[in-house]
Amino acid sequence: MCKLRDCSVCECPENEFPESFRRPPLGLAADDLKCQEGKPEAAVDRTLDSKVFRGWIEVDNPWTVDDETDNGEMTYVNLLLNPERYTGYTGPSARRIWDAIYSENCPKYASGEICQEKKVLYKLISGLHSSISIHIAADYLLDETKNEWGRNPDLMYDRVLQYPERVRNLYFTFLFVLRAVTKAKDYLEQAEYDTGNPEEDLKAQSLIRQLLYNPKLQAACPVPFDEAKLWKGQSGPELKQQIQKQFRNISALMDCVGCEKCRLWGKLQVLGLGTALKILFSVDGEYRHDQHLQLQRNEVIALVNLLNRLSESIKLVQEMSPTFEKTMKGLSLQPAAKFISSWNRLLKTVLGDRLRKLTL
């Protein structure tokens, strides 16, 4: 369905990914979900226990359609060899995915019309959508005959920058994911980053600690998002289940994306967002002090990569905003500029070769 060969995903041969990644999974069996794409074959408590990492365990995430335990159909890919960029995936198939996400699972609400919790889901998806559009425009095929790639400012403006609300939602999604990372800092610090290369593993763990305890981060955003304000009142648990179901539907729709590389990055980032929801709103929706956070290896990989994608998007918005200064009027981007710049440098270092491998 794509006009470019670049939409295909280059998979890692078996000898490229670490032995520790090949261990048999533990946990629940996955649901067998299929999607028809026009042909048969296409068919809250605010603290966490300081001693939380108990090994990589395959556990179901109630916020996503979880298929991580079905190891038979997973392959390993190196994200450095499969960058998020323009693929030529356009037309009715691409539009149908976003239409289904917004109209069926994530409708837009008028100001003051609906509760804050329902608006959160819309803003998260809108922010993710904006980030994806920005990365497509930032790495665009400008001249197919010369294989010339570069930025497409007009596309970035048409899809995101001319809409202040979309830029604000991008910032909101970044802060939401940032809050999840900082809340799970004890778990992420203790997690086992084992790729079979002790030198790289020690470096990765050190960089993760630098990211989690960055003084600029702690000073600028001590509490990026206050999840304790949500799910109040008698209807709180029912509302949470409803929104949880909607996000699960969105995660299932990612299997319907016709472009393989778009599907890879869509699934990765939706999994990252689902992991953030899992961290902030507990494992089963009702946090108990005797219940410890458990994350899959892929959830951590997806979470950190999503944070990287969102922070890179914000950096691109800040770089491009002077070009469209009149349209961006009313959006204050400067206070975060220095922080985002240093944050991106650290994330780029943390997201090294081994850590960015993802099972698909």
Protein backbone atom coordinates (compact mmCIF):
# COMPACT_ATOMS: atom_id res chain seq x y z
CA MET A 1 0.00 0.00 0.00
CA CYS A 2 3.05 2.26 0.13
CA LYS A 3 4.72 3.79 -2.88
CA LEU A 4 8.22 3.40 -1.40
CA ARG A 5 10.26 0.32 -0.64
CA ASP A 6 11.40 2.20 2.45
CA CYS A 7 8.15 1.29 4.19
CA SER A 8 9.38 -2.27 4.74
CA VAL A 9 11.00 -3.24 8.04
CA CYS A 10 14.48 -4.74 8.10
CA GLU A 11 14.46 -7.56 10.65
CA CYS A 12 17.47 -8.63 12.71
CA PRO A 13 18.98 -12.05 11.97
CA GLU A 14 18.92 -14.35 14.99
CA ASN A 15 22.62 -13.97 15.73
CA GLU A 16 22.26 -10.18 16.14
CA PHE A 17 20.04 -10.01 19.21
CA PRO A 18 21.18 -10.98 22.72
CA GLU A 19 20.80 -14.47 24.12
CA SER A 20 18.96 -13.05 27.13
CA PHE A 21 16.22 -11.76 24.80
CA ARG A 22 15.49 -15.30 23.59
CA ARG A 23 14.48 -16.73 26.96
CA PRO A 24 11.01 -18.28 26.88
CA PRO A 25 8.30 -15.90 28.05
CA LEU A 26 6.28 -16.32 31.23
CA GLY A 27 2.70 -15.34 31.85
CA LEU A 28 -0.66 -15.31 30.13
CA ALA A 29 -1.56 -16.44 26.65
CA ALA A 30 -2.40 -13.68 24.21
CA ASP A 31 -5.71 -13.02 22.50
CA ASP A 32 -5.83 -14.06 18.87
CA LEU A 33 -6.92 -10.80 17.21
CA LYS A 34 -7.05 -10.34 13.45
CA CYS A 35 -7.85 -7.35 11.31
CA GLN A 36 -9.39 -7.32 7.85
CA GLU A 37 -7.61 -4.85 5.56
CA GLY A 38 -9.59 -5.67 2.41
CA LYS A 39 -7.98 -9.11 1.86
CA PRO A 40 -8.00 -12.38 3.87
CA GLU A 41 -4.29 -12.42 4.66
CA ALA A 42 -4.51 -8.95 6.25
CA ALA A 43 -7.00 -10.40 8.34
CA VAL A 44 -3.89 6.36 42.37
CA ASP A 45 -1.12 6.31 44.75
CA ARG A 46 1.74 8.63 43.67
CA THR A 47 4.67 6.59 44.98
CA LEU A 48 6.14 3.22 44.05
CA ASP A 49 7.97 0.63 46.13
CA SER A 50 11.72 1.33 46.11
CA LYS A 51 12.49 -2.38 45.60
CA VAL A 52 10.36 -3.11 42.62
CA PHE A 53 12.35 -4.83 39.88
CA ARG A 54 11.96 -8.60 40.12
CA GLY A 55 13.15 -9.60 36.67
CA TRP A 56 11.47 -9.28 33.30
CA ILE A 57 8.05 -10.90 33.65
CA GLU A 58 5.48 -11.29 30.88
CA VAL A 59 2.33 -9.80 32.43
CA ASP A 60 -0.76 -8.44 30.78
CA ASN A 61 -1.14 -4.68 30.44
CA PRO A 62 -4.84 -3.83 30.88
CA TRP A 63 -4.38 -0.67 28.79
CA THR A 64 -3.23 -2.46 25.63
CA VAL A 65 -4.16 -5.48 23.55
CA ASP A 66 -1.23 -7.50 24.77
CA ASP A 67 0.46 -10.00 22.45
CA GLU A 68 3.93 -9.96 23.98
CA THR A 69 3.53 -13.45 25.41
CA ASP A 70 3.01 -15.01 21.97
CA ASN A 71 6.69 -15.37 21.21
CA GLY A 72 6.13 -17.48 18.10
CA GLU A 73 5.10 -14.57 15.88
CA MET A 74 7.53 -11.95 17.17
CA THR A 75 10.66 -10.80 15.35
CA TYR A 76 13.47 -8.52 16.51
CA VAL A 77 14.18 -5.29 14.70
CA ASN A 78 16.86 -2.64 15.18
CA LEU A 79 15.12 0.72 15.36
CA LEU A 80 18.30 2.50 14.26
CA LEU A 81 17.98 0.72 10.91
CA ASN A 82 14.24 1.46 10.69
CA PRO A 83 13.87 5.19 11.45
CA GLU A 84 10.50 6.90 11.78
CA ARG A 85 10.16 8.86 8.56
CA TYR A 86 8.06 9.45 5.45
CA THR A 87 7.07 6.21 3.69
CA GLY A 88 4.50 7.35 1.14
CA TYR A 89 1.71 5.67 3.11
CA THR A 90 -1.29 7.86 2.28
CA GLY A 91 -4.81 7.58 0.98
CA PRO A 92 -8.00 5.94 2.27
CA SER A 93 -6.24 3.18 4.24
CA ALA A 94 -4.14 5.62 6.29
CA ARG A 95 -7.06 7.99 6.83
CA ARG A 96 -9.32 5.13 7.91
CA ILE A 97 -7.01 4.28 10.83
CA TRP A 98 -6.99 7.80 12.26
CA ASP A 99 -10.71 8.23 11.58
CA ALA A 100 -11.42 5.05 13.57
CA ILE A 101 -9.16 6.18 16.42
CA TYR A 102 -10.81 9.58 16.78
CA SER A 103 -14.44 8.88 15.90
CA GLU A 104 -14.89 5.49 17.59
CA ASN A 105 -12.53 5.68 20.56
CA CYS A 106 -11.34 9.21 21.07
CA PRO A 107 -13.98 11.82 20.15
CA LYS A 108 -13.15 15.48 20.58
CA TYR A 109 -15.08 17.21 23.33
CA ALA A 110 -16.16 20.81 23.44
CA SER A 111 -14.74 22.99 26.19
CA GLY A 112 -16.60 22.40 29.44
CA GLU A 113 -18.78 19.71 27.90
CA ILE A 114 -17.23 16.60 29.42
CA CYS A 115 -15.13 15.53 32.39
CA GLN A 116 -11.38 16.01 32.53
CA GLU A 117 -10.60 12.28 32.33
CA LYS A 118 -12.19 11.87 28.91
CA LYS A 119 -10.35 14.90 27.60
CA VAL A 120 -7.05 13.38 28.73
CA LEU A 121 -7.36 10.48 26.27
CA TYR A 122 -8.12 12.81 23.37
CA LYS A 123 -5.19 15.09 24.24
CA LEU A 124 -2.79 12.13 24.55
CA ILE A 125 -3.73 10.73 21.14
CA SER A 126 -3.73 14.18 19.54
CA GLY A 127 -0.26 14.84 20.97
CA LEU A 128 1.03 11.50 19.70
CA HIS A 129 -0.53 12.17 16.29
CA SER A 130 1.19 15.56 16.17
CA SER A 131 4.53 13.99 17.05
CA ILE A 132 4.21 11.37 14.32
CA SER A 133 3.31 14.04 11.76
CA ILE A 134 6.29 16.15 12.81
CA HIS A 135 8.72 13.26 12.37
CA ILE A 136 7.30 12.45 8.93
CA ALA A 137 7.78 16.08 7.89
CA ALA A 138 11.24 16.25 9.48
CA ASP A 139 12.57 13.28 7.50
CA TYR A 140 10.76 13.62 4.17
CA LEU A 141 11.60 12.39 0.68
CA LEU A 142 12.06 15.72 -1.09
CA ASP A 143 13.22 14.32 -4.44
CA GLU A 144 12.60 10.67 -5.22
CA THR A 145 14.79 10.65 -8.34
CA LYS A 146 17.81 11.87 -6.37
CA ASN A 147 16.86 10.05 -3.15
CA GLU A 148 17.11 13.40 -1.38
CA TRP A 149 15.76 13.50 2.17
CA GLY A 150 15.25 16.50 4.42
CA ARG A 151 12.73 18.70 6.22
CA ASN A 152 9.40 19.65 4.72
CA PRO A 153 8.41 22.83 6.62
CA ASP A 154 5.19 23.31 4.65
CA LEU A 155 3.95 19.83 5.59
CA MET A 156 4.87 20.41 9.24
CA TYR A 157 2.94 23.69 9.17
CA ASP A 158 -0.10 22.22 7.38
CA ARG A 159 -0.41 19.25 9.74
CA VAL A 160 0.66 20.66 13.11
CA LEU A 161 2.11 24.15 13.49
CA GLN A 162 -0.89 26.09 12.22
CA TYR A 163 -2.99 24.48 14.97
CA PRO A 164 -1.97 25.79 18.43
CA GLU A 165 -4.13 23.14 20.11
CA ARG A 166 -2.14 20.34 18.45
CA VAL A 167 1.11 21.86 19.67
CA ARG A 168 -0.28 22.19 23.19
CA ASN A 169 -1.41 18.57 23.11
CA LEU A 170 2.09 17.54 22.05
CA TYR A 171 3.48 19.27 25.15
CA PHE A 172 0.76 17.65 27.29
CA THR A 173 1.63 14.15 26.02
CA PHE A 174 5.33 14.77 26.64
CA LEU A 175 4.68 15.84 30.23
CA PHE A 176 2.37 12.87 30.80
CA VAL A 177 5.01 10.37 29.63
CA LEU A 178 7.72 12.25 31.51
CA ARG A 179 5.69 11.90 34.71
CA ALA A 180 5.40 8.13 34.16
CA VAL A 181 9.17 7.80 33.71
CA THR A 182 9.94 9.82 36.85
CA LYS A 183 7.34 7.92 38.89
CA ALA A 184 8.88 4.58 37.88
CA LYS A 185 12.45 5.76 38.41
CA ASP A 186 13.22 3.17 41.11
CA TYR A 187 12.06 0.36 38.83
CA LEU A 188 13.88 1.71 35.78
CA GLU A 189 17.07 2.25 37.74
CA GLN A 190 17.08 -1.33 39.02
CA ALA A 191 15.96 -2.92 35.74
CA GLU A 192 18.23 -5.47 34.09
CA TYR A 193 19.76 -4.02 30.93
CA ASP A 194 21.38 -7.24 29.78
CA THR A 195 22.49 -7.48 26.15
CA GLY A 196 25.47 -9.79 26.66
CA ASN A 197 27.95 -6.92 26.43
CA PRO A 198 28.93 -6.02 30.03
CA GLU A 199 30.62 -2.76 29.06
CA GLU A 200 27.62 -1.49 27.11
CA ASP A 201 25.22 -2.73 29.78
CA LEU A 202 26.99 -0.83 32.57
CA LYS A 203 27.07 2.29 30.41
CA ALA A 204 23.34 1.98 29.63
CA GLN A 205 22.47 1.59 33.31
CA SER A 206 24.61 4.60 34.22
CA LEU A 207 22.95 6.72 31.54
CA ILE A 208 19.50 5.64 32.68
CA ARG A 209 20.34 6.88 36.17
CA GLN A 210 21.57 10.17 34.74
CA LEU A 211 18.29 10.54 32.87
CA LEU A 212 16.17 9.71 35.92
CA TYR A 213 18.05 11.95 38.34
CA ASN A 214 18.83 14.82 36.01
CA PRO A 215 18.95 17.97 38.22
CA LYS A 216 17.61 20.18 35.40
CA LEU A 217 14.66 17.83 35.01
CA GLN A 218 13.95 17.78 38.75
CA ALA A 219 14.18 21.57 38.97
CA ALA A 220 12.10 22.30 35.86
CA CYS A 221 9.39 19.65 36.27
CA PRO A 222 9.22 18.22 39.80
CA VAL A 223 5.69 16.94 39.05
CA PRO A 224 5.09 17.15 35.28
CA PHE A 225 1.56 15.71 35.56
CA ASP A 226 -0.60 15.18 38.64
CA GLU A 227 -2.45 11.91 38.11
CA ALA A 228 -3.88 11.99 41.65
CA LYS A 229 -6.49 14.51 40.52
CA LEU A 230 -8.21 12.00 38.22
CA TRP A 231 -10.79 9.27 38.81
CA LYS A 232 -12.45 11.04 41.74
CA GLY A 233 -16.06 10.47 42.79
CA GLN A 234 -18.35 7.46 42.67
CA SER A 235 -18.12 7.09 38.90
CA GLY A 236 -14.28 7.07 38.95
CA PRO A 237 -13.72 3.29 38.63
CA GLU A 238 -16.37 2.93 35.91
CA LEU A 239 -14.93 5.87 33.99
CA LYS A 240 -11.44 4.40 34.19
CA GLN A 241 -12.66 1.08 32.78
CA GLN A 242 -14.39 2.87 29.92
CA ILE A 243 -11.29 4.86 28.94
CA GLN A 244 -9.12 1.77 29.42
CA LYS A 245 -11.33 -0.11 26.95
CA GLN A 246 -11.09 2.75 24.44
CA PHE A 247 -7.29 2.77 24.61
CA ARG A 248 -7.19 -1.02 24.19
CA ASN A 249 -9.22 -0.57 21.00
CA ILE A 250 -6.70 2.00 19.79
CA SER A 251 -3.81 -0.39 20.46
CA ALA A 252 -5.62 -3.12 18.50
CA LEU A 253 -6.09 -0.78 15.54
CA MET A 254 -2.30 -0.54 15.16
CA ASP A 255 -2.34 -4.07 13.69
CA CYS A 256 -4.55 -2.70 10.89
CA VAL A 257 -1.93 -0.24 9.59
CA GLY A 258 -1.08 -1.30 6.05
CA CYS A 259 2.48 0.09 5.96
CA GLU A 260 4.92 -2.17 7.81
CA LYS A 261 7.25 0.58 9.05
CA CYS A 262 4.30 2.78 10.04
CA ARG A 263 2.88 -0.19 11.92
CA LEU A 264 6.20 -0.73 13.71
CA TRP A 265 6.40 2.86 14.97
CA GLY A 266 2.67 3.04 15.64
CA LYS A 267 2.73 -0.10 17.78
CA LEU A 268 5.90 0.97 19.57
CA GLN A 269 4.59 4.41 20.52
CA VAL A 270 1.10 3.24 21.46
CA LEU A 271 2.73 0.56 23.62
CA GLY A 272 4.86 3.30 25.20
CA LEU A 273 1.75 5.36 25.92
CA GLY A 274 -0.02 2.31 27.30
CA THR A 275 2.97 1.68 29.56
CA ALA A 276 2.77 5.26 30.84
CA LEU A 277 -0.93 4.75 31.59
CA LYS A 278 -0.11 1.49 33.36
CA ILE A 279 2.53 3.18 35.55
CA LEU A 280 0.42 6.20 36.44
CA PHE A 281 -2.89 4.46 37.00
CA SER A 282 -1.61 1.17 38.48
CA VAL A 283 -1.38 -2.29 37.06
CA ASP A 284 -5.03 -3.32 37.28
CA GLY A 285 -6.68 0.06 37.68
CA GLU A 286 -6.95 -0.25 41.46
CA TYR A 287 -3.59 0.36 43.14
CA ARG A 288 -2.83 -1.71 46.23
CA HIS A 289 0.21 -1.34 48.45
CA ASP A 290 0.92 -5.08 48.21
CA GLN A 291 0.90 -4.94 44.41
CA HIS A 292 4.22 -4.16 42.75
CA LEU A 293 4.79 -2.62 39.37
CA GLN A 294 5.89 -5.16 36.76
CA LEU A 295 6.93 -4.20 33.25
CA GLN A 296 7.90 -6.20 30.22
CA ARG A 297 11.21 -5.51 28.53
CA ASN A 298 9.37 -4.21 25.46
CA GLU A 299 7.30 -1.86 27.60
CA VAL A 300 10.45 -0.20 28.95
CA ILE A 301 11.98 0.01 25.46
CA ALA A 302 8.76 1.50 24.10
CA LEU A 303 8.39 3.95 27.00
CA VAL A 304 11.92 5.39 26.66
CA ASN A 305 11.70 5.56 22.87
CA LEU A 306 8.34 7.34 23.07
CA LEU A 307 9.82 9.92 25.43
CA ASN A 308 12.62 10.41 22.93
CA ARG A 309 10.22 10.84 20.00
CA LEU A 310 8.10 13.37 21.88
CA SER A 311 11.08 15.41 23.09
CA GLU A 312 12.55 15.43 19.58
CA SER A 313 9.21 16.66 18.27
CA ILE A 314 9.15 19.51 20.78
CA LYS A 315 12.69 20.44 19.80
CA LEU A 316 11.64 20.54 16.13
CA VAL A 317 8.63 22.73 16.99
CA GLN A 318 10.92 25.17 18.79
CA GLU A 319 13.35 25.22 15.86
CA MET A 320 10.59 25.78 13.30
CA SER A 321 8.43 28.20 15.28
CA PRO A 322 10.38 31.34 14.26
CA THR A 323 9.54 30.50 10.64
CA PHE A 324 5.83 30.59 11.47
CA GLU A 325 5.98 33.16 14.25
CA LYS A 326 2.68 34.82 13.40
CA THR A 327 0.76 31.58 13.50
CA MET A 328 2.49 30.40 16.67
CA LYS A 329 1.60 33.63 18.43
CA GLY A 330 0.14 32.90 21.83
CA LEU A 331 2.18 29.73 22.36
CA SER A 332 5.03 30.22 24.81
CA LEU A 333 7.78 27.78 23.81
CA GLN A 334 10.91 29.48 25.15
CA PRO A 335 10.83 28.51 28.86
CA ALA A 336 11.32 24.84 27.99
CA ALA A 337 13.84 25.34 25.18
CA LYS A 338 17.09 24.96 27.14
CA PHE A 339 15.75 22.07 29.19
CA ILE A 340 14.45 20.17 26.13
CA SER A 341 17.77 20.65 24.31
CA SER A 342 19.84 19.11 27.13
CA TRP A 343 17.20 16.42 27.68
CA ASN A 344 17.41 15.38 24.01
CA ARG A 345 21.17 15.08 24.15
CA LEU A 346 20.90 12.75 27.13
CA LEU A 347 18.11 10.68 25.58
CA LYS A 348 20.10 10.25 22.37
CA THR A 349 22.99 8.87 24.39
CA VAL A 350 20.78 6.57 26.43
CA LEU A 351 19.00 5.22 23.37
CA GLY A 352 22.06 3.45 22.10
CA ASP A 353 22.25 0.55 19.69
CA ARG A 354 21.26 -2.33 21.96
CA LEU A 355 18.56 -0.63 24.03
CA ARG A 356 16.56 0.33 20.94
CA LYS A 357 15.92 -3.22 19.73
CA LEU A 358 12.24 -4.04 19.85
CA THR A 359 10.27 -7.25 19.42
CA LEU A 360 7.47 -6.73 16.94
